[in-house]
């Protein structure tokens, strides 16, 4: 029995393990990533049809793999192009989103219902950056430039989240290049941009520290270093009632990096990653990660797991908000945690990207 065949059997098992209570709702292809396992060190995307169990693997070379409609979007640095991979194995350049000759950075973001896409093109030199942000339907129709920002010294704008009704685009004024070296996404100055009018304003208490944040279930959650410099308070803003609440930090010594806040769809809890990094950027660099759980009703937070020696980030809530799927930007694999039990288990050697619509 070949190793590849065994790997596909494992992925089929994972497609059931990721969300067993929702199996009947999955109609399309589940997509998994393995880095550097293809020909000449290419990455491999595996599409598994949940109805038939058929699997197809395609070699790609890229970064920032994102499910979008019936394809996987990824940026190919070797060709400086945004490309798409499809479940039939075909690859193509994206038809309407591409960097220009002076573009330093291309970022993109899908709306919650996956019908719209926002993208930013950051052009210019480090001391004079301009960012053009455009929103369109996923098929390319009705493109609308919504923000032309700059020039700014070392600062670019990037999309972070859509509002549930896709009328507001949340963006961040980001120090250019620094985000590539942080273990988790960090934000410096978050804004709310009205897609219809192009008007924007800072979110409450912004600009803030260069820290993590999350959006979901009508909340904006912002991590901030507490006054004692011993941990991260979670500031919770309810957009509907304009109410702010603060969930006080749990003190964990030398855990100085926090981010990837993921709010449950029912708005009752959130998880985020908290990391201790030693010898940053050196060959002997080491990391310890603790996942924190915030109870958004009791307004408490506590460690969800014992420390692990890896960077993991929450990908999605599953099983009626009773479990969380985790993946890593550095290491292949998919993990699951049941917050009620605090139990972390690895469910695949491949990285789950998500499920394409059927």
Protein backbone atom coordinates (compact mmCIF):
# COMPACT_ATOMS: atom_id res chain seq x y z
CA UNK A 1 0.00 0.00 0.00
CA UNK A 2 1.55 3.33 -1.08
CA UNK A 3 2.23 6.18 1.34
CA UNK A 4 0.11 8.45 -0.85
CA UNK A 5 -2.85 6.07 -0.64
CA UNK A 6 -2.50 5.89 3.13
CA UNK A 7 -2.37 9.70 3.28
CA UNK A 8 -5.63 9.98 1.33
CA UNK A 9 -7.29 7.49 3.65
CA UNK A 10 -6.24 9.66 6.59
CA UNK A 11 -7.71 12.75 4.92
CA UNK A 12 -10.98 10.93 4.32
CA UNK A 13 -11.07 10.06 8.01
CA UNK A 14 -10.37 13.69 8.89
CA UNK A 15 -13.20 14.91 6.67
CA UNK A 16 -15.51 13.04 9.02
CA UNK A 17 -13.62 13.95 12.22
CA UNK A 18 -13.53 17.71 11.66
CA UNK A 19 -17.25 18.20 12.15
CA UNK A 20 -19.12 14.92 12.62
CA UNK A 21 -22.35 16.65 13.67
CA UNK A 22 -22.44 18.62 10.42
CA UNK A 23 -21.52 15.94 7.89
CA UNK A 24 -24.89 16.08 6.15
CA UNK A 25 -24.42 19.81 5.51
CA UNK A 26 -21.13 19.31 3.61
CA UNK A 27 -21.75 19.01 -0.12
CA UNK A 28 -18.55 20.26 -1.72
CA UNK A 29 -14.86 19.51 -1.66
CA UNK A 30 -12.81 19.71 1.49
CA UNK A 31 -9.37 21.14 0.81
CA UNK A 32 -6.11 20.23 2.55
CA UNK A 33 -2.60 21.63 2.22
CA UNK A 34 0.80 20.00 2.58
CA UNK A 35 3.83 22.26 2.20
CA UNK A 36 6.88 21.20 0.22
CA UNK A 37 5.75 17.64 -0.46
CA UNK A 38 5.22 17.96 -4.23
CA UNK A 39 7.60 17.83 -7.19
CA UNK A 40 10.73 19.93 -6.67
CA UNK A 41 9.45 21.09 -3.27
CA UNK A 42 6.07 22.37 -4.46
CA UNK A 43 3.13 22.59 -2.07
CA UNK A 44 0.24 20.18 -2.60
CA UNK A 45 -3.48 20.91 -2.44
CA UNK A 46 -5.77 17.90 -2.06
CA UNK A 47 -9.46 18.23 -2.93
CA UNK A 48 -11.71 15.53 -1.41
CA UNK A 49 -15.29 15.29 -2.63
CA UNK A 50 -17.38 14.68 0.46
CA UNK A 51 -20.13 12.94 -1.50
CA UNK A 52 -18.05 10.47 -3.49
CA UNK A 53 -14.81 10.29 -1.51
CA UNK A 54 -12.81 10.96 -4.66
CA UNK A 55 -9.53 12.86 -4.09
CA UNK A 56 -7.38 14.91 -6.44
CA UNK A 57 -4.00 16.44 -5.61
CA UNK A 58 -2.36 19.31 -7.49
CA UNK A 59 1.11 20.85 -7.09
CA UNK A 60 1.20 24.60 -6.51
CA UNK A 61 3.77 27.18 -5.42
CA UNK A 62 2.34 29.90 -3.30
CA UNK A 63 1.38 31.46 0.00
CA UNK A 64 -1.73 32.70 1.83
CA UNK A 65 -4.02 29.96 0.52
CA UNK A 66 -7.66 31.10 0.75
CA UNK A 67 -10.90 29.39 -0.22
CA UNK A 68 -12.92 31.60 -2.56
CA UNK A 69 -16.02 30.32 -4.33
CA UNK A 70 -15.16 27.18 -6.27
CA UNK A 71 -11.37 27.63 -6.06
CA UNK A 72 -8.39 28.22 -3.79
CA UNK A 73 -6.71 31.62 -4.13
CA UNK A 74 -2.98 31.90 -3.52
CA UNK A 75 -0.17 34.31 -4.27
CA UNK A 76 2.69 32.92 -6.35
CA UNK A 77 5.85 34.95 -5.54
CA UNK A 78 7.80 33.38 -8.41
CA UNK A 79 5.43 34.83 -11.00
CA UNK A 80 4.27 37.77 -8.85
CA UNK A 81 0.66 36.82 -9.56
CA UNK A 82 -2.54 35.88 -7.76
CA UNK A 83 -3.62 32.45 -8.95
CA UNK A 84 -6.49 29.99 -8.55
CA UNK A 85 -6.52 26.22 -8.10
CA UNK A 86 -9.70 24.29 -8.92
CA UNK A 87 -10.99 20.87 -7.78
CA UNK A 88 -10.46 19.47 -11.29
CA UNK A 89 -6.73 20.17 -10.98
CA UNK A 90 -6.65 23.20 -13.28
CA UNK A 91 -4.68 26.34 -12.41
CA UNK A 92 -5.04 29.86 -13.76
CA UNK A 93 -4.14 33.46 -13.07
CA UNK A 94 -6.92 35.34 -11.30
CA UNK A 95 -8.97 37.13 -13.97
CA UNK A 96 -9.28 40.58 -12.36
CA UNK A 97 -7.05 40.85 -9.26
CA UNK A 98 -3.35 41.26 -10.05
CA UNK A 99 -0.51 43.46 -8.80
CA UNK A 100 0.68 46.37 -10.90
CA UNK A 101 4.29 47.07 -11.93
CA UNK A 102 4.93 49.11 -8.76
CA UNK A 103 2.90 47.00 -6.31
CA UNK A 104 4.79 46.02 -3.15
CA UNK A 105 1.97 44.06 -1.53
CA UNK A 106 -1.37 42.49 -2.52
CA UNK A 107 -3.86 41.57 0.20
CA UNK A 108 -7.37 40.18 -0.14
CA UNK A 109 -10.37 39.26 2.01
CA UNK A 110 -13.70 37.50 1.44
CA UNK A 111 -17.06 38.55 2.87
CA UNK A 112 -18.75 36.21 5.39
CA UNK A 113 -21.13 34.86 2.74
CA UNK A 114 -18.26 34.52 0.22
CA UNK A 115 -20.09 36.63 -2.38
CA UNK A 116 -17.73 39.64 -2.28
CA UNK A 117 -14.01 40.14 -2.24
CA UNK A 118 -11.94 43.14 -1.11
CA UNK A 119 -8.33 43.63 -2.14
CA UNK A 120 -5.62 46.20 -1.62
CA UNK A 121 -2.69 47.14 -3.83
CA UNK A 122 0.12 48.86 -1.94
CA UNK A 123 2.46 50.75 -4.26
CA UNK A 124 5.46 53.02 -3.93
CA UNK A 125 8.60 53.23 -1.84
CA UNK A 126 8.74 52.55 1.92
CA UNK A 127 8.78 56.25 2.76
CA UNK A 128 5.86 57.00 0.42
CA UNK A 129 3.27 54.23 0.26
CA UNK A 130 -0.18 54.44 -1.34
CA UNK A 131 -2.92 51.83 -0.93
CA UNK A 132 -5.86 51.37 -3.30
CA UNK A 133 -8.71 49.27 -1.91
CA UNK A 134 -11.39 47.81 -4.17
CA UNK A 135 -14.51 45.74 -3.46
CA UNK A 136 -16.32 43.61 -6.05
CA UNK A 137 -18.57 40.61 -6.28
CA UNK A 138 -16.61 37.37 -6.39
CA UNK A 139 -17.30 37.00 -10.11
CA UNK A 140 -15.73 40.42 -10.78
CA UNK A 141 -18.91 42.39 -11.34
CA UNK A 142 -19.61 45.79 -9.77
CA UNK A 143 -16.01 46.67 -8.83
CA UNK A 144 -15.93 49.70 -6.55
CA UNK A 145 -12.78 51.56 -5.43
CA UNK A 146 -13.56 52.36 -1.79
CA UNK A 147 -10.32 53.81 -0.39
CA UNK A 148 -7.31 55.48 -1.98
CA UNK A 149 -4.96 56.14 0.92
CA UNK A 150 -1.57 57.82 1.08
CA UNK A 151 1.14 58.58 0.54
CA UNK A 152 2.22 57.50 4.03
CA UNK A 153 5.67 56.87 5.48
CA UNK A 154 5.97 53.13 6.15
CA UNK A 155 2.22 52.60 6.60
CA UNK A 156 -0.17 50.66 4.39
CA UNK A 157 -3.86 49.84 4.71
CA UNK A 158 -5.05 46.23 4.71
CA UNK A 159 -8.49 44.58 4.91
CA UNK A 160 -9.29 42.73 8.14
CA UNK A 161 -13.00 41.81 8.16
CA UNK A 162 -16.39 42.53 6.62
CA UNK A 163 -19.46 43.34 8.64
CA UNK A 164 -22.10 40.54 8.53
CA UNK A 165 -24.12 42.42 5.90
CA UNK A 166 -20.99 43.37 3.89
CA UNK A 167 -21.73 47.10 4.07
CA UNK A 168 -18.71 47.88 6.26
CA UNK A 169 -15.11 46.89 5.61
CA UNK A 170 -12.86 46.87 8.67
CA UNK A 171 -9.27 47.76 7.81
CA UNK A 172 -6.00 48.41 9.59
CA UNK A 173 -3.30 51.00 9.05
CA UNK A 174 -0.40 48.57 9.27
CA UNK A 175 3.38 49.20 9.60
CA UNK A 176 4.64 47.82 6.31
CA UNK A 177 6.61 44.58 6.58
CA UNK A 178 6.43 44.08 10.35
CA UNK A 179 3.44 41.78 10.14
CA UNK A 180 5.48 39.25 8.17
CA UNK A 181 7.60 38.57 11.27
CA UNK A 182 4.95 38.40 13.99
CA UNK A 183 3.69 34.96 14.99
CA UNK A 184 0.06 36.11 14.91
CA UNK A 185 -1.73 38.93 13.06
CA UNK A 186 -1.26 42.26 14.85
CA UNK A 187 -3.11 45.52 14.23
CA UNK A 188 -2.11 49.11 14.88
CA UNK A 189 -5.00 51.37 13.87
CA UNK A 190 -8.32 49.72 13.01
CA UNK A 191 -10.99 51.60 11.07
CA UNK A 192 -14.54 51.04 9.81
CA UNK A 193 -14.97 51.94 6.13
CA UNK A 194 -18.46 52.47 4.69
CA UNK A 195 -18.36 50.68 1.34
CA UNK A 196 -21.23 52.71 -0.04
CA UNK A 197 -19.87 56.18 0.74
CA UNK A 198 -16.14 55.59 1.12
CA UNK A 199 -16.18 57.41 4.47
CA UNK A 200 -14.22 55.91 7.35
CA UNK A 201 -13.48 56.47 11.02
CA UNK A 202 -11.38 54.79 13.66
CA UNK A 203 -13.02 52.08 15.74
CA UNK A 204 -13.43 52.79 19.48
CA UNK A 205 -10.13 53.46 21.31
CA UNK A 206 -8.10 53.19 18.10
CA UNK A 207 -5.26 53.55 17.26
CA UNK A 208 -4.20 51.08 19.93
CA UNK A 209 -1.21 48.92 20.74
CA UNK A 210 0.23 46.69 18.02
CA UNK A 211 -1.84 43.73 19.24
CA UNK A 212 -4.36 41.15 18.09
CA UNK A 213 -8.08 41.55 17.44
CA UNK A 214 -11.10 39.69 16.12
CA UNK A 215 -14.59 40.32 14.71
CA UNK A 216 -17.70 38.16 14.92
CA UNK A 217 -21.26 37.75 16.24
CA UNK A 218 -21.69 41.53 16.41
CA UNK A 219 -18.55 42.04 18.51
CA UNK A 220 -15.17 43.68 18.05
CA UNK A 221 -12.63 42.08 20.40
CA UNK A 222 -9.31 43.85 20.96
CA UNK A 223 -6.33 42.54 22.90
CA UNK A 224 -4.41 45.19 24.84
CA UNK A 225 -1.44 44.93 27.17
CA UNK A 226 -2.68 45.61 30.71
CA UNK A 227 -1.39 48.47 32.82
CA UNK A 228 0.86 46.16 34.87
CA UNK A 229 2.47 44.80 31.66
CA UNK A 230 1.76 41.26 32.87
CA UNK A 231 -0.81 40.08 30.31
CA UNK A 232 -3.47 40.97 27.78
CA UNK A 233 -6.86 42.37 28.69
CA UNK A 234 -9.59 41.57 26.17
CA UNK A 235 -11.63 44.68 25.35
CA UNK A 236 -15.04 43.69 24.01
CA UNK A 237 -17.16 46.15 22.02
CA UNK A 238 -20.78 45.39 21.14
CA UNK A 239 -21.54 47.21 17.89
CA UNK A 240 -25.32 46.98 18.36
CA UNK A 241 -25.44 48.63 21.77
CA UNK A 242 -22.17 50.56 21.63
CA UNK A 243 -21.21 48.86 24.90
CA UNK A 244 -17.61 48.26 25.99
CA UNK A 245 -16.58 45.62 28.49
CA UNK A 246 -13.12 44.54 29.63
CA UNK A 247 -12.12 40.97 30.41
CA UNK A 248 -9.09 41.21 32.66
CA UNK A 249 -5.85 39.42 31.81
CA UNK A 250 -4.58 36.18 33.26
CA UNK A 251 -0.95 36.63 34.26
CA UNK A 252 1.39 34.29 32.39
CA UNK A 253 5.05 35.22 32.72
CA UNK A 254 6.93 36.18 29.53
CA UNK A 255 4.00 35.47 27.20
CA UNK A 256 4.35 38.59 25.08
CA UNK A 257 2.69 37.73 21.75
CA UNK A 258 -1.08 37.34 21.45
CA UNK A 259 -3.50 37.28 18.56
CA UNK A 260 -5.83 35.35 16.25
CA UNK A 261 -8.96 36.08 18.28
CA UNK A 262 -11.82 33.84 17.09
CA UNK A 263 -15.30 34.58 18.41
CA UNK A 264 -17.84 31.76 18.42
CA UNK A 265 -20.81 32.23 16.04
CA UNK A 266 -23.23 32.34 18.99
CA UNK A 267 -21.22 35.15 20.61
CA UNK A 268 -20.77 33.40 23.95
CA UNK A 269 -17.03 32.70 23.93
CA UNK A 270 -13.77 33.39 22.14
CA UNK A 271 -10.37 31.80 21.89
CA UNK A 272 -7.00 33.30 21.08
CA UNK A 273 -3.34 32.28 20.98
CA UNK A 274 -0.78 33.50 23.51
CA UNK A 275 2.89 32.82 22.82
CA UNK A 276 6.22 32.95 24.62
CA UNK A 277 9.09 33.42 22.17
CA UNK A 278 12.73 33.03 23.15
CA UNK A 279 15.74 33.98 20.98
CA UNK A 280 13.46 35.49 18.34
CA UNK A 281 14.91 35.27 14.82
CA UNK A 282 17.89 33.15 15.87
CA UNK A 283 18.56 29.51 14.94
CA UNK A 284 17.78 28.43 18.48
CA UNK A 285 14.44 30.27 18.56
CA UNK A 286 11.84 28.44 20.64
CA UNK A 287 8.14 29.03 21.16
CA UNK A 288 5.55 27.98 23.70
CA UNK A 289 1.88 28.62 22.95
CA UNK A 290 -1.08 28.64 25.31
CA UNK A 291 -4.64 28.94 24.02
CA UNK A 292 -6.83 31.23 26.07
CA UNK A 293 -10.61 30.95 26.36
CA UNK A 294 -12.68 34.05 27.08
CA UNK A 295 -16.20 33.65 28.42
CA UNK A 296 -18.01 36.62 26.88
CA UNK A 297 -20.96 36.28 29.24
CA UNK A 298 -19.17 35.79 32.57
CA UNK A 299 -16.39 38.18 31.38
CA UNK A 300 -13.56 35.89 32.44
CA UNK A 301 -10.62 34.36 30.65
CA UNK A 302 -8.44 31.39 31.48
CA UNK A 303 -5.87 29.07 29.85
CA UNK A 304 -7.53 26.45 27.69
CA UNK A 305 -4.55 24.13 27.32
CA UNK A 306 -1.11 23.42 28.68
CA UNK A 307 1.74 25.08 26.71
CA UNK A 308 2.73 23.47 23.41
CA UNK A 309 5.91 24.02 21.39
CA UNK A 310 4.33 25.31 18.19
CA UNK A 311 2.53 28.28 16.63
CA UNK A 312 -1.10 27.27 16.21
CA UNK A 313 -4.02 29.52 15.33
CA UNK A 314 -7.79 28.93 15.61
CA UNK A 315 -9.37 28.36 12.20
CA UNK A 316 -13.04 27.79 12.91
CA UNK A 317 -15.59 26.82 15.52
CA UNK A 318 -17.39 23.57 14.85
CA UNK A 319 -19.80 21.06 16.38
CA UNK A 320 -22.32 23.66 17.55
CA UNK A 321 -19.63 25.85 19.15
CA UNK A 322 -18.32 22.98 21.25
CA UNK A 323 -14.99 22.49 19.45
CA UNK A 324 -12.35 24.59 17.69
CA UNK A 325 -10.18 23.59 14.73
CA UNK A 326 -6.58 24.87 14.82
CA UNK A 327 -3.92 25.05 12.11
CA UNK A 328 -0.45 26.54 11.75
CA UNK A 329 1.15 28.87 9.22
CA UNK A 330 4.53 27.21 9.81
CA UNK A 331 3.75 23.52 10.30
CA UNK A 332 1.47 21.11 8.45
CA UNK A 333 -1.29 19.60 10.52
CA UNK A 334 -4.80 20.09 11.86
CA UNK A 335 -5.71 20.03 15.54
CA UNK A 336 -8.97 20.11 17.46
CA UNK A 337 -9.79 21.34 20.94
CA UNK A 338 -12.94 20.86 22.98
CA UNK A 339 -12.95 23.95 25.26
CA UNK A 340 -15.12 22.23 27.87
CA UNK A 341 -12.45 19.56 28.25
CA UNK A 342 -9.27 21.50 27.41
CA UNK A 343 -8.12 18.55 25.35
CA UNK A 344 -5.94 19.14 22.26
CA UNK A 345 -5.73 16.37 19.68
CA UNK A 346 -4.03 16.25 16.29
CA UNK A 347 -6.50 14.95 13.73
CA UNK A 348 -4.39 15.16 10.56
CA UNK A 349 -0.84 15.58 9.32
CA UNK A 350 -2.25 17.85 6.58
CA UNK A 351 -3.58 21.37 7.06
CA UNK A 352 -7.32 21.84 6.61
CA UNK A 353 -8.13 24.96 4.56
CA UNK A 354 -11.90 24.50 4.59
CA UNK A 355 -14.79 23.34 2.42
CA UNK A 356 -15.72 24.63 -1.02
CA UNK A 357 -19.46 25.01 -1.75
CA UNK A 358 -21.16 22.08 -3.46
